[in-house]
Protein backbone atom coordinates (compact mmCIF):
# COMPACT_ATOMS: atom_id res chain seq x y z
CA UNK A 1 96.08 73.95 55.48
CA UNK A 2 97.10 75.35 58.69
CA UNK A 3 100.17 74.23 60.57
CA UNK A 4 100.86 74.71 64.78
CA UNK A 5 103.90 76.33 65.51
CA UNK A 6 105.22 73.03 67.02
CA UNK A 7 104.34 71.13 63.65
CA UNK A 8 106.14 73.34 61.84
CA UNK A 9 109.37 73.23 63.91
CA UNK A 10 109.17 69.48 63.74
CA UNK A 11 109.44 69.47 60.32
CA UNK A 12 112.63 71.01 60.03
CA UNK A 13 114.20 69.73 62.73
CA UNK A 14 116.02 66.68 62.67
CA UNK A 15 114.35 63.68 64.69
CA UNK A 16 116.77 64.04 67.36
CA UNK A 17 116.03 67.38 68.01
CA UNK A 18 112.16 67.07 67.85
CA UNK A 19 112.28 65.59 71.24
CA UNK A 20 113.18 68.80 73.12
CA UNK A 21 109.72 69.99 72.27
CA UNK A 22 108.50 69.90 76.12
CA UNK A 23 105.11 68.47 77.03
CA UNK A 24 104.85 71.99 78.63
CA UNK A 25 104.49 73.72 75.06
CA UNK A 26 100.78 74.33 73.65
CA UNK A 27 101.72 71.58 70.96
CA UNK A 28 103.60 68.45 72.38
CA UNK A 29 105.84 66.60 70.13
CA UNK A 30 105.19 62.75 70.14
CA UNK A 31 108.24 60.84 68.59
CA UNK A 32 107.15 57.40 67.18
CA UNK A 33 109.43 54.73 66.46
CA UNK A 34 109.74 55.20 62.96
CA UNK A 35 111.04 58.98 63.99
CA UNK A 36 108.00 60.56 62.24
CA UNK A 37 106.74 63.78 64.56
CA UNK A 38 102.53 63.65 65.49
CA UNK A 39 101.34 66.78 67.50
CA UNK A 40 99.15 66.34 70.07
CA UNK A 41 97.41 69.30 70.64
CA UNK A 42 97.39 70.27 74.58
CA UNK A 43 94.08 71.75 75.26
CA UNK A 44 94.74 73.29 79.16
CA UNK A 45 93.05 75.81 79.96
CA UNK A 46 94.05 79.08 81.75
CA UNK A 47 91.74 81.83 83.83
CA UNK A 48 93.30 85.28 82.58
CA UNK A 49 92.55 88.53 83.85
CA UNK A 50 92.77 91.22 80.75
CA UNK A 51 91.24 93.97 82.72
CA UNK A 52 89.08 94.37 85.58
CA UNK A 53 86.33 92.64 85.42
CA UNK A 54 87.42 91.04 81.67
CA UNK A 55 88.33 87.31 82.19
CA UNK A 56 88.46 84.62 80.12
CA UNK A 57 89.62 81.04 79.84
CA UNK A 58 92.50 80.27 76.99
CA UNK A 59 94.53 77.28 76.21
CA UNK A 60 98.75 78.44 76.66
CA UNK A 61 99.19 78.58 73.09
CA UNK A 62 96.63 81.54 73.00
CA UNK A 63 98.35 83.00 76.03
CA UNK A 64 101.31 83.39 73.75
CA UNK A 65 99.03 84.60 70.86
CA UNK A 66 97.81 87.64 73.38
CA UNK A 67 101.45 88.51 74.78
CA UNK A 68 102.63 88.69 70.99
CA UNK A 69 99.30 90.92 69.86
CA UNK A 70 101.05 93.49 72.79
CA UNK A 71 97.99 92.23 75.39
CA UNK A 72 98.97 91.58 79.23
CA UNK A 73 97.33 89.64 81.59
CA UNK A 74 97.17 87.77 85.27
CA UNK A 75 96.63 84.05 85.08
CA UNK A 76 94.54 84.07 87.90
CA UNK A 77 93.94 80.10 87.79
CA UNK A 78 95.48 79.36 91.07
CA UNK A 79 95.23 83.34 92.43
CA UNK A 80 91.49 84.12 91.67
CA UNK A 81 91.08 85.68 95.23
CA UNK A 82 94.27 87.63 95.25
CA UNK A 83 93.10 91.41 96.86
CA UNK A 84 89.86 89.86 98.52
CA UNK A 85 91.42 89.77 101.86
CA UNK A 86 92.21 93.79 102.00
CA UNK A 87 89.84 95.09 99.58
CA UNK A 88 88.33 96.64 102.60
CA UNK A 89 90.93 97.04 105.06
CA UNK A 90 93.79 98.95 102.61
CA UNK A 91 94.47 102.28 104.16
CA UNK A 92 95.53 105.37 101.82
CA UNK A 93 99.18 105.21 101.71
CA UNK A 94 101.19 108.38 103.05
CA UNK A 95 105.00 109.16 102.02
CA UNK A 96 107.32 111.53 103.35
CA UNK A 97 106.86 115.15 101.40
CA UNK A 98 110.50 115.16 99.92
CA UNK A 99 114.04 113.31 100.45
CA UNK A 100 115.75 113.21 104.02
CA UNK A 101 118.72 111.22 103.64
CA UNK A 102 121.16 112.97 101.28
CA UNK A 103 123.90 112.85 104.14
CA UNK A 104 123.83 109.35 103.83
CA UNK A 105 123.07 108.26 100.38
CA UNK A 106 125.53 110.34 98.31
CA UNK A 107 128.45 108.48 99.81
CA UNK A 108 126.86 105.18 98.70
CA UNK A 109 125.66 106.34 95.32
CA UNK A 110 129.12 106.69 94.58
CA UNK A 111 130.13 103.43 94.82
CA UNK A 112 127.33 101.42 92.71
CA UNK A 113 129.58 100.31 89.50
CA UNK A 114 128.44 99.70 86.09
CA UNK A 115 130.70 96.89 85.97
CA UNK A 116 129.15 94.81 88.53
CA UNK A 117 125.95 94.91 86.52
CA UNK A 118 127.45 94.11 83.49
CA UNK A 119 129.35 91.25 84.66
CA UNK A 120 126.33 89.46 86.43
CA UNK A 121 124.31 90.39 82.81
CA UNK A 122 126.69 88.51 80.77
CA UNK A 123 126.18 85.50 83.04
CA UNK A 124 122.74 85.98 83.23
CA UNK A 125 122.16 86.14 79.22
CA UNK A 126 124.17 83.03 78.96
CA UNK A 127 121.06 80.87 79.81
CA UNK A 128 119.82 79.59 76.31
CA UNK A 129 116.28 80.97 78.53
CA UNK A 130 115.38 81.67 81.69
CA UNK A 131 111.85 80.32 80.85
CA UNK A 132 109.98 79.63 83.99
CA UNK A 133 108.70 75.90 83.07
CA UNK A 134 112.52 75.07 81.47
CA UNK A 135 115.38 73.32 83.20
CA UNK A 136 117.36 76.57 82.32
CA UNK A 137 114.78 78.61 84.07
CA UNK A 138 115.34 76.79 87.65
CA UNK A 139 119.45 76.71 86.78
CA UNK A 140 119.66 80.56 86.06
CA UNK A 141 117.68 80.75 89.48
CA UNK A 142 120.30 78.74 91.31
CA UNK A 143 122.60 80.76 90.11
CA UNK A 144 120.86 84.04 90.66
CA UNK A 145 120.15 83.01 94.21
CA UNK A 146 124.00 81.90 94.73
CA UNK A 147 124.74 85.81 93.94
CA UNK A 148 122.75 87.33 95.80
CA UNK A 149 123.92 84.57 98.89
CA UNK A 150 127.32 85.70 98.05
CA UNK A 151 126.77 89.57 97.78
CA UNK A 152 125.22 89.28 101.47
CA UNK A 153 128.37 87.03 102.75
CA UNK A 154 131.04 89.80 101.03
CA UNK A 155 129.10 92.57 102.66
CA UNK A 156 129.42 90.46 106.21
CA UNK A 157 126.23 90.51 106.66
CA UNK A 158 125.16 86.81 106.73
CA UNK A 159 124.30 86.67 110.15
CA UNK A 160 121.84 89.48 109.76
CA UNK A 161 120.48 89.34 106.22
CA UNK A 162 119.29 86.07 104.60
CA UNK A 163 118.09 85.17 101.25
CA UNK A 164 116.00 82.12 100.02
CA UNK A 165 113.91 80.48 96.89
CA UNK A 166 110.12 81.20 97.91
CA UNK A 167 109.24 78.05 95.72
CA UNK A 168 107.13 77.72 92.87
CA UNK A 169 105.37 74.20 91.32
CA UNK A 170 106.54 75.24 87.76
CA UNK A 171 110.42 74.72 88.31
CA UNK A 172 112.30 78.37 88.58
CA UNK A 173 111.49 79.77 91.85
CA UNK A 174 111.61 83.37 92.85
CA UNK A 175 113.91 84.71 95.32
CA UNK A 176 113.19 86.86 98.41
CA UNK A 177 116.36 88.42 99.89
CA UNK A 178 115.50 90.04 103.19
CA UNK A 179 117.20 93.15 105.77
CA UNK A 180 115.28 93.00 108.56
CA UNK A 181 114.57 96.50 110.21
CA UNK A 182 113.20 97.29 113.42
CA UNK A 183 109.28 96.76 112.97
CA UNK A 184 107.72 94.12 110.24
CA UNK A 185 106.86 97.29 108.21
CA UNK A 186 108.66 95.80 104.89
CA UNK A 187 109.33 97.75 102.06
CA UNK A 188 109.98 95.89 98.79
CA UNK A 189 111.89 96.38 95.61
CA UNK A 190 111.18 93.96 92.61
CA UNK A 191 112.34 92.82 89.36
CA UNK A 192 111.66 89.44 87.28
CA UNK A 193 114.75 86.76 86.93
CA UNK A 194 112.64 84.67 83.77
CA UNK A 195 112.45 85.34 80.39
CA UNK A 196 110.94 84.68 77.03
CA UNK A 197 110.86 83.77 73.15
CA UNK A 198 107.32 84.19 72.37
CA UNK A 199 107.71 81.59 69.53
CA UNK A 200 107.83 78.13 71.23
CA UNK A 201 109.49 79.26 74.21
CA UNK A 202 111.00 76.14 75.48
CA UNK A 203 112.47 75.66 72.79
CA UNK A 204 114.21 79.07 71.37
CA UNK A 205 116.96 81.26 73.04
CA UNK A 206 115.89 83.83 75.04
CA UNK A 207 118.41 85.70 76.50
CA UNK A 208 116.36 88.35 78.11
CA UNK A 209 119.04 91.03 78.23
CA UNK A 210 116.83 94.04 78.76
CA UNK A 211 113.53 91.75 79.90
CA UNK A 212 114.55 91.64 82.42
CA UNK A 213 117.95 90.79 83.15
CA UNK A 214 118.50 94.34 83.31
CA UNK A 215 116.24 94.95 86.16
CA UNK A 216 117.50 91.93 87.87
CA UNK A 217 120.93 93.29 88.13
CA UNK A 218 120.04 96.64 88.54
CA UNK A 219 118.15 95.58 92.18
CA UNK A 220 120.94 93.41 92.38
CA UNK A 221 123.72 96.04 92.37
CA UNK A 222 121.26 98.45 94.91
CA UNK A 223 121.34 95.70 96.88
CA UNK A 224 124.99 95.00 97.09
CA UNK A 225 125.41 98.75 97.97
CA UNK A 226 123.14 99.16 100.51
CA UNK A 227 124.70 96.43 102.26
CA UNK A 228 127.67 98.72 102.85
CA UNK A 229 125.65 101.17 105.13
CA UNK A 230 126.68 99.83 109.00
CA UNK A 231 123.50 101.11 110.04
CA UNK A 232 121.25 98.92 107.45
CA UNK A 233 123.73 95.95 108.48
CA UNK A 234 122.88 96.19 111.72
CA UNK A 235 119.04 96.38 111.26
CA UNK A 236 118.94 99.75 112.67
CA UNK A 237 116.69 100.88 110.48
CA UNK A 238 112.96 101.26 111.11
CA UNK A 239 111.32 99.36 108.58
CA UNK A 240 112.06 95.61 106.75
CA UNK A 241 113.79 95.61 103.34
CA UNK A 242 113.13 93.25 100.73
CA UNK A 243 114.22 92.10 97.06
CA UNK A 244 112.54 89.90 95.26
CA UNK A 245 113.29 88.28 92.21
CA UNK A 246 110.02 87.19 90.42
CA UNK A 247 109.78 83.69 88.37
CA UNK A 248 107.24 83.51 85.92
CA UNK A 249 106.04 87.11 85.40
CA UNK A 250 105.90 86.42 81.38
CA UNK A 251 103.59 83.72 82.37
CA UNK A 252 101.15 85.55 83.34
CA UNK A 253 102.59 87.63 86.89
CA UNK A 254 102.52 84.12 88.36
CA UNK A 255 105.62 84.19 90.46
CA UNK A 256 104.53 87.91 92.40
CA UNK A 257 101.07 86.73 92.29
CA UNK A 258 101.91 83.86 94.63
CA UNK A 259 104.07 85.92 96.88
CA UNK A 260 102.16 88.84 97.19
CA UNK A 261 98.74 86.53 97.52
CA UNK A 262 100.68 84.87 100.44
CA UNK A 263 101.50 88.18 102.30
CA UNK A 264 97.83 88.98 102.05
CA UNK A 265 96.82 85.88 103.78
CA UNK A 266 99.26 86.60 106.46
CA UNK A 267 98.24 90.06 106.75
CA UNK A 268 101.87 91.39 106.35
CA UNK A 269 102.45 94.88 106.44
CA UNK A 270 103.59 96.09 103.17
CA UNK A 271 104.21 99.83 103.07
CA UNK A 272 105.62 100.10 99.38
CA UNK A 273 106.56 98.03 96.77
CA UNK A 274 108.79 99.08 93.74
CA UNK A 275 109.01 97.52 90.10
CA UNK A 276 112.52 97.39 87.98
CA UNK A 277 111.78 95.81 84.75
CA UNK A 278 113.60 96.94 81.89
CA UNK A 279 116.22 99.52 82.73
CA UNK A 280 118.92 99.78 80.26
CA UNK A 281 117.50 100.67 76.61
CA UNK A 282 117.95 104.05 75.76
CA UNK A 283 118.96 104.01 72.01
CA UNK A 284 115.45 104.89 70.53
CA UNK A 285 114.53 107.44 72.73
CA UNK A 286 117.74 109.07 71.32
CA UNK A 287 116.68 108.10 67.78
CA UNK A 288 113.29 109.70 68.37
CA UNK A 289 115.23 113.28 69.40
CA UNK A 290 114.11 113.30 72.82
CA UNK A 291 116.31 113.41 75.95
CA UNK A 292 117.40 110.54 77.97
CA UNK A 293 115.17 109.88 80.74
CA UNK A 294 113.43 107.57 83.18
CA UNK A 295 109.61 106.66 82.32
CA UNK A 296 107.46 107.05 85.45
CA UNK A 297 104.28 104.58 85.12
CA UNK A 298 101.27 106.60 86.02
CA UNK A 299 98.64 103.78 85.27
CA UNK A 300 97.54 101.40 87.61
CA UNK A 301 99.85 102.18 90.36
CA UNK A 302 99.75 104.20 93.63
CA UNK A 303 99.20 108.23 93.28
CA UNK A 304 101.31 108.91 96.46
CA UNK A 305 103.96 106.45 96.26
CA UNK A 306 104.51 107.47 92.48
CA UNK A 307 104.65 111.09 93.69
CA UNK A 308 107.62 110.38 96.40
CA UNK A 309 109.43 108.54 93.83
CA UNK A 310 109.29 111.45 91.10
CA UNK A 311 111.28 113.56 93.98
CA UNK A 312 113.61 110.66 94.84
CA UNK A 313 114.80 110.80 90.69
CA UNK A 314 114.44 114.66 90.84
CA UNK A 315 117.29 114.46 93.92
CA UNK A 316 119.49 111.71 93.62
CA UNK A 317 119.47 110.63 89.26
CA UNK A 318 121.14 112.88 86.74
CA UNK A 319 118.49 112.13 84.30
CA UNK A 320 114.79 113.40 84.66
CA UNK A 321 111.56 111.40 84.20
CA UNK A 322 108.40 111.57 81.91
CA UNK A 323 105.32 110.25 82.74
CA UNK A 324 104.14 107.29 80.55
CA UNK A 325 101.28 104.31 80.48
CA UNK A 326 101.69 100.64 80.52
CA UNK A 327 98.33 99.00 80.59
CA UNK A 328 96.82 96.43 83.05
CA UNK A 329 98.89 93.98 84.47
CA UNK A 330 101.99 95.28 82.55
CA UNK A 331 104.31 93.70 85.52
CA UNK A 332 104.83 92.61 88.89
CA UNK A 333 104.05 95.74 90.71
CA UNK A 334 100.27 95.00 89.35
CA UNK A 335 100.18 91.81 91.92
CA UNK A 336 101.14 94.06 94.88
CA UNK A 337 98.30 96.49 93.77
CA UNK A 338 96.10 94.00 93.39
CA UNK A 339 96.66 92.45 96.75
CA UNK A 340 95.75 96.12 98.46
CA UNK A 341 99.89 97.44 98.83
CA UNK A 342 101.01 100.64 97.53
CA UNK A 343 103.27 99.93 94.13
CA UNK A 344 104.94 101.68 91.39
CA UNK A 345 106.91 100.89 87.94
CA UNK A 346 110.09 103.07 86.74
CA UNK A 347 110.91 101.53 83.22
CA UNK A 348 113.90 103.01 81.03
CA UNK A 349 112.09 105.57 79.04
CA UNK A 350 108.36 106.42 77.80
CA UNK A 351 106.74 103.27 77.11
CA UNK A 352 106.53 104.10 73.33
CA UNK A 353 110.17 104.17 73.00
CA UNK A 354 111.29 101.00 75.03
CA UNK A 355 113.19 98.10 73.89
CA UNK A 356 111.71 96.53 70.67
CA UNK A 357 114.04 93.33 70.76
CA UNK A 358 112.47 92.08 73.99
CA UNK A 359 110.82 88.38 73.64
CA UNK A 360 113.19 87.19 71.12
CA UNK A 361 116.79 86.32 70.26
CA UNK A 362 117.92 89.61 70.09
CA UNK A 363 117.07 90.79 73.55
CA UNK A 364 121.22 91.21 73.72
CA UNK A 365 123.38 93.17 76.21
CA UNK A 366 124.38 95.16 73.02
CA UNK A 367 121.49 97.16 72.83
CA UNK A 368 121.65 98.61 76.43
CA UNK A 369 123.37 101.24 77.98
CA UNK A 370 125.03 100.49 81.52
CA UNK A 371 125.55 104.36 82.22
CA UNK A 372 121.47 104.34 81.80
CA UNK A 373 121.04 101.76 84.15
CA UNK A 374 123.27 103.12 86.55
CA UNK A 375 120.85 105.83 87.02
CA UNK A 376 117.85 103.27 87.57
CA UNK A 377 120.58 101.89 90.33
CA UNK A 378 120.64 105.28 91.76
CA UNK A 379 117.24 105.63 91.78
CA UNK A 380 116.29 102.16 93.52
CA UNK A 381 119.17 102.61 96.24
CA UNK A 382 117.66 106.04 97.50
CA UNK A 383 114.00 104.80 97.20
CA UNK A 384 115.01 101.79 99.01
CA UNK A 385 117.44 103.42 102.11
CA UNK A 386 114.89 106.61 102.52
CA UNK A 387 111.83 104.27 103.20
CA UNK A 388 113.98 102.11 105.27
CA UNK A 389 114.79 105.26 107.18
CA UNK A 390 110.78 106.31 106.98
CA UNK A 391 108.52 106.89 110.16
CA UNK A 392 105.18 105.69 108.76
CA UNK A 393 103.28 105.38 111.62
CA UNK A 394 104.01 108.91 112.52
CA UNK A 395 103.25 109.94 108.64
CA UNK A 396 99.87 108.13 108.94
CA UNK A 397 99.15 109.37 112.41
CA UNK A 398 99.59 112.90 110.73
CA UNK A 399 97.46 112.05 108.00
CA UNK A 400 94.74 110.90 109.81
CA UNK A 401 94.66 114.12 112.03
CA UNK A 402 94.60 116.45 108.88
CA UNK A 403 91.61 114.57 107.67
CA UNK A 404 90.43 114.87 110.79
CA UNK A 405 89.54 111.32 111.65
CA UNK A 406 91.26 112.27 115.60
């Protein structure tokens, strides 16, 4: 006889606990008066895309089975048209040939703090889970927004810089912090705030220290320090900066799809997007006898932006990079790419040496290196600052001249 996960758990849990199996679970537990759990199968279907042109309808339980098997996908149930509006209008991305902001950046880099990241991550992982359909997920998002707003206020930037929820119907909202520049040309830095335990997500603990608590606090620290620049706070940089903390990445890039779909529909001018997902685990790299490095993703990304990020790492980080691949729809940068915006992704290591504790109760701070996270913070800060002051219009005009279009 084959038992579902929820029915097995219900037999193991006391009746008083069984009611905490939420209706959003693929198997719904119903308590009858005598306290005997009965499992009702939720057969709601979701439309997913596992590769370009490879789509299927699956139940939520099948989504988690695919995730446990290492398969990544877009859940396109509500975003099937993402990318269709910009399919013909997207232009070739052009980025600086080399970094140029060393004089301004080097003092800022010294202000990045491991203790700030550790403090934030300690609280962030104290939520039982950050599963996007759970109330814990809602609470953790509210807490995170408060930290972002406190960071803005502490910098004295609250008259110019803002942060707000981007609302979703599932409970946990995404967060967008905006540092306006002189133009609406925008550079986005992102991480995802949700966590998941792939065995009964609404019940089991998912501290999500590395996936993606590490990325969340890494970009929060870069955000804190970039606001120490008077030029940035005053809006003297040409390009607007946005920091995104996405909801529901684990459910199929749902939060980032919703955001970039909205940007595509209103014609937002997004010049670049960098994703930071898992920035803290280096132990498996060292155990394999490899040199500590950051992993630059080279599949399903913008090649020109990726080359620029390599130059940022060489210039501003103390460790090298390795090229690596993560597959289709492997993190939120994929939503930006699908919408026609240049995107890139840098992870903690070569993909094969990334953290193997994720999606479980064991994704804990003790397996992370804050020294390594500091390198990601250096790269993130430098990326944002350099591109905030980039004259994209001049670069693009020069590129068109060189191609003979003018």
